[in-house]
Amino acid sequence: MAVILITGGARSGKSKRAELRTRAFPGQPVYVATAEALDAEMQARIATHRARRGTDWIEREVPLDLVPTLVATDGGGARLVDCLTLWLSNLMHAERNWEREVAALAAALPGLKSPVVLVTNEVGLGIVPDNALARRYRDAAGLMNQMIAAAADEVEFVVAGLPMKLK
């Protein structure tokens, strides 16, 4: 079983890279989407991702309950979780204990049988946000990425469509 974390900035090619890595495993791939189509712009983004992937993926829309979904889909094809930073935003918006949820994910990953490829954004490379909520989110994302990277077998950083192996 492999746990692969792919990180990078916005529009860096993370999702495309993650799809390629997920398809390399045998079996029908499972796409675990954490985004919610709450407006027209997000609907368009989701449609673009779906069109690029094609129709051979099993899709699960999971804005919050990620660990139960990974457990329920274990034993089949590789799972692609896209993305952890949207999942984190969903958890924070729902006022759930994100630290407990991320710790549960990090603890569950090594025990899964089927591969998992996780996409996340690296949000800490820019300027310090000017408001408390944005700073709290940036800090939470950095801590989440550290916890999941520690649990991962491999970590890649994607810049301009080019993957760099970190772990």
Protein backbone atom coordinates (compact mmCIF):
# COMPACT_ATOMS: atom_id res chain seq x y z
CA MET A 1 0.00 0.00 0.00
CA ALA A 2 1.25 3.46 -0.81
CA VAL A 3 0.36 6.84 0.64
CA ILE A 4 1.44 9.66 -1.66
CA LEU A 5 1.07 13.35 -0.81
CA ILE A 6 1.29 15.84 -3.68
CA THR A 7 1.57 19.50 -2.77
CA GLY A 8 2.19 22.77 -4.59
CA GLY A 9 0.67 26.13 -5.32
CA ALA A 10 -2.53 26.99 -7.14
CA ARG A 11 -2.57 25.84 -10.77
CA SER A 12 0.82 24.18 -10.35
CA GLY A 13 -0.28 20.87 -11.93
CA LYS A 14 -0.87 19.01 -8.65
CA SER A 15 -4.18 17.43 -9.63
CA LYS A 16 -2.96 16.33 -13.05
CA ARG A 17 0.11 14.76 -11.43
CA ALA A 18 -2.05 13.07 -8.78
CA GLU A 19 -4.36 11.63 -11.45
CA LEU A 20 -1.33 10.21 -13.29
CA ARG A 21 0.06 8.65 -10.09
CA THR A 22 -3.35 7.21 -9.14
CA ARG A 23 -3.90 5.65 -12.58
CA ALA A 24 -0.53 3.89 -12.31
CA PHE A 25 -2.01 1.53 -9.72
CA PRO A 26 -4.12 -1.47 -10.79
CA GLY A 27 -7.91 -1.44 -10.49
CA GLN A 28 -10.56 1.20 -11.07
CA PRO A 29 -9.50 4.49 -9.50
CA VAL A 30 -11.71 6.26 -6.96
CA TYR A 31 -11.87 10.05 -6.98
CA VAL A 32 -12.70 11.47 -3.54
CA ALA A 33 -13.76 15.09 -4.08
CA THR A 34 -13.80 17.42 -1.10
CA ALA A 35 -15.03 20.48 -3.02
CA GLU A 36 -18.62 21.60 -2.98
CA ALA A 37 -20.12 23.26 -6.06
CA LEU A 38 -21.55 26.23 -4.17
CA ASP A 39 -21.23 28.76 -7.00
CA ALA A 40 -20.85 28.91 -10.78
CA GLU A 41 -17.07 29.34 -10.66
CA MET A 42 -16.62 26.21 -8.53
CA GLN A 43 -19.05 24.30 -10.75
CA ALA A 44 -16.85 25.19 -13.74
CA ARG A 45 -13.68 24.07 -11.92
CA ILE A 46 -15.29 20.74 -11.03
CA ALA A 47 -16.45 20.27 -14.63
CA THR A 48 -12.91 20.92 -15.90
CA HIS A 49 -11.47 18.30 -13.54
CA ARG A 50 -14.15 15.75 -14.52
CA ALA A 51 -13.56 16.31 -18.23
CA ARG A 52 -9.81 15.82 -17.85
CA ARG A 53 -10.22 12.62 -15.80
CA GLY A 54 -12.73 10.95 -18.09
CA THR A 55 -15.48 8.56 -17.06
CA ASP A 56 -13.55 5.56 -15.79
CA TRP A 57 -13.30 6.87 -12.21
CA ILE A 58 -15.64 6.01 -9.36
CA GLU A 59 -16.55 9.35 -7.77
CA ARG A 60 -17.30 10.11 -4.13
CA GLU A 61 -18.19 13.63 -2.99
CA VAL A 62 -16.98 13.99 0.58
CA PRO A 63 -16.76 17.52 1.96
CA LEU A 64 -16.28 16.40 5.59
CA ASP A 65 -16.19 12.67 6.40
CA LEU A 66 -12.94 11.73 4.70
CA VAL A 67 -11.67 8.92 6.96
CA PRO A 68 -14.94 6.89 6.84
CA THR A 69 -14.93 7.21 3.04
CA LEU A 70 -11.35 5.98 2.75
CA VAL A 71 -12.19 3.02 4.99
CA ALA A 72 -15.38 2.25 3.03
CA THR A 73 -13.53 2.31 -0.33
CA ASP A 74 -10.52 0.33 0.87
CA GLY A 75 -9.68 -2.94 -0.88
CA GLY A 76 -10.43 -1.71 -4.42
CA GLY A 77 -8.57 0.64 -6.71
CA ALA A 78 -6.35 3.49 -5.64
CA ARG A 79 -8.07 6.54 -4.16
CA LEU A 80 -7.30 10.13 -5.09
CA VAL A 81 -8.30 12.73 -2.49
CA ASP A 82 -8.52 16.18 -4.08
CA CYS A 83 -7.96 18.18 -2.01
CA LEU A 84 -7.00 18.28 1.65
CA THR A 85 -6.94 22.08 1.89
CA LEU A 86 -10.57 22.30 0.74
CA TRP A 87 -11.39 19.55 3.25
CA LEU A 88 -9.66 21.62 5.95
CA SER A 89 -11.65 24.70 4.93
CA ASN A 90 -14.86 22.68 5.10
CA LEU A 91 -13.97 21.39 8.58
CA MET A 92 -13.18 24.88 9.84
CA HIS A 93 -16.35 26.33 8.32
CA ALA A 94 -18.42 23.55 9.95
CA GLU A 95 -16.65 24.36 13.25
CA ARG A 96 -15.39 20.80 13.57
CA ASN A 97 -12.19 20.04 15.43
CA TRP A 98 -9.83 20.04 12.45
CA GLU A 99 -6.82 18.96 14.53
CA ARG A 100 -8.64 15.83 15.69
CA GLU A 101 -9.89 15.09 12.15
CA VAL A 102 -6.42 15.51 10.62
CA ALA A 103 -4.87 13.36 13.35
CA ALA A 104 -7.47 10.67 12.64
CA LEU A 105 -6.60 10.78 8.93
CA ALA A 106 -2.86 10.57 9.63
CA ALA A 107 -3.47 7.61 11.96
CA ALA A 108 -5.74 5.81 9.47
CA LEU A 109 -3.53 6.09 6.38
CA PRO A 110 -0.89 3.48 7.29
CA GLY A 111 -3.57 0.85 7.99
CA LEU A 112 -5.31 1.11 4.61
CA LYS A 113 -4.81 -1.65 2.04
CA SER A 114 -5.38 0.27 -1.20
CA PRO A 115 -3.14 3.15 -2.29
CA VAL A 116 -4.12 6.72 -1.46
CA VAL A 117 -2.91 9.80 -3.35
CA LEU A 118 -3.66 13.05 -1.53
CA VAL A 119 -3.52 16.53 -3.04
CA THR A 120 -2.93 19.59 -0.88
CA ASN A 121 -2.01 23.21 -1.42
CA GLU A 122 1.12 24.82 -0.08
CA VAL A 123 -0.34 28.07 1.18
CA GLY A 124 2.53 29.23 3.38
CA LEU A 125 4.93 30.50 0.72
CA GLY A 126 3.35 33.93 0.23
CA ILE A 127 2.93 37.00 2.34
CA VAL A 128 1.43 36.89 5.82
CA PRO A 129 -2.35 37.38 5.45
CA ASP A 130 -3.78 40.62 6.79
CA ASN A 131 -6.65 39.08 8.77
CA ALA A 132 -6.88 36.63 11.63
CA LEU A 133 -9.05 34.05 9.86
CA ALA A 134 -6.71 33.81 6.88
CA ARG A 135 -3.68 33.51 9.20
CA ARG A 136 -5.45 30.79 11.20
CA TYR A 137 -6.24 28.89 8.00
CA ARG A 138 -2.69 29.26 6.66
CA ASP A 139 -1.26 27.98 9.94
CA ALA A 140 -3.73 25.08 10.08
CA ALA A 141 -2.91 24.09 6.50
CA GLY A 142 0.80 24.08 7.27
CA LEU A 143 0.30 21.92 10.34
CA MET A 144 -2.02 19.57 8.45
CA ASN A 145 0.48 19.19 5.62
CA GLN A 146 3.23 18.34 8.10
CA MET A 147 1.10 15.68 9.78
CA ILE A 148 0.05 14.04 6.52
CA ALA A 149 3.57 14.25 5.07
CA ALA A 150 4.88 12.42 8.13
CA ALA A 151 2.36 9.62 7.52
CA ALA A 152 3.02 9.47 3.75
CA ASP A 153 5.40 7.09 2.04
CA GLU A 154 6.12 9.64 -0.68
CA VAL A 155 5.77 13.43 -0.91
CA GLU A 156 6.04 15.44 -4.12
CA PHE A 157 6.07 19.20 -4.61
CA VAL A 158 4.77 20.34 -8.01
CA VAL A 159 5.88 23.64 -9.55
CA ALA A 160 4.96 24.70 -13.10
CA GLY A 161 3.79 21.15 -13.81
CA LEU A 162 7.11 19.66 -12.73
CA PRO A 163 7.20 17.26 -9.76
CA MET A 164 10.03 17.34 -7.26
CA LYS A 165 10.40 14.37 -4.94
CA LEU A 166 10.68 15.46 -1.30
CA LYS A 167 10.27 12.09 0.38
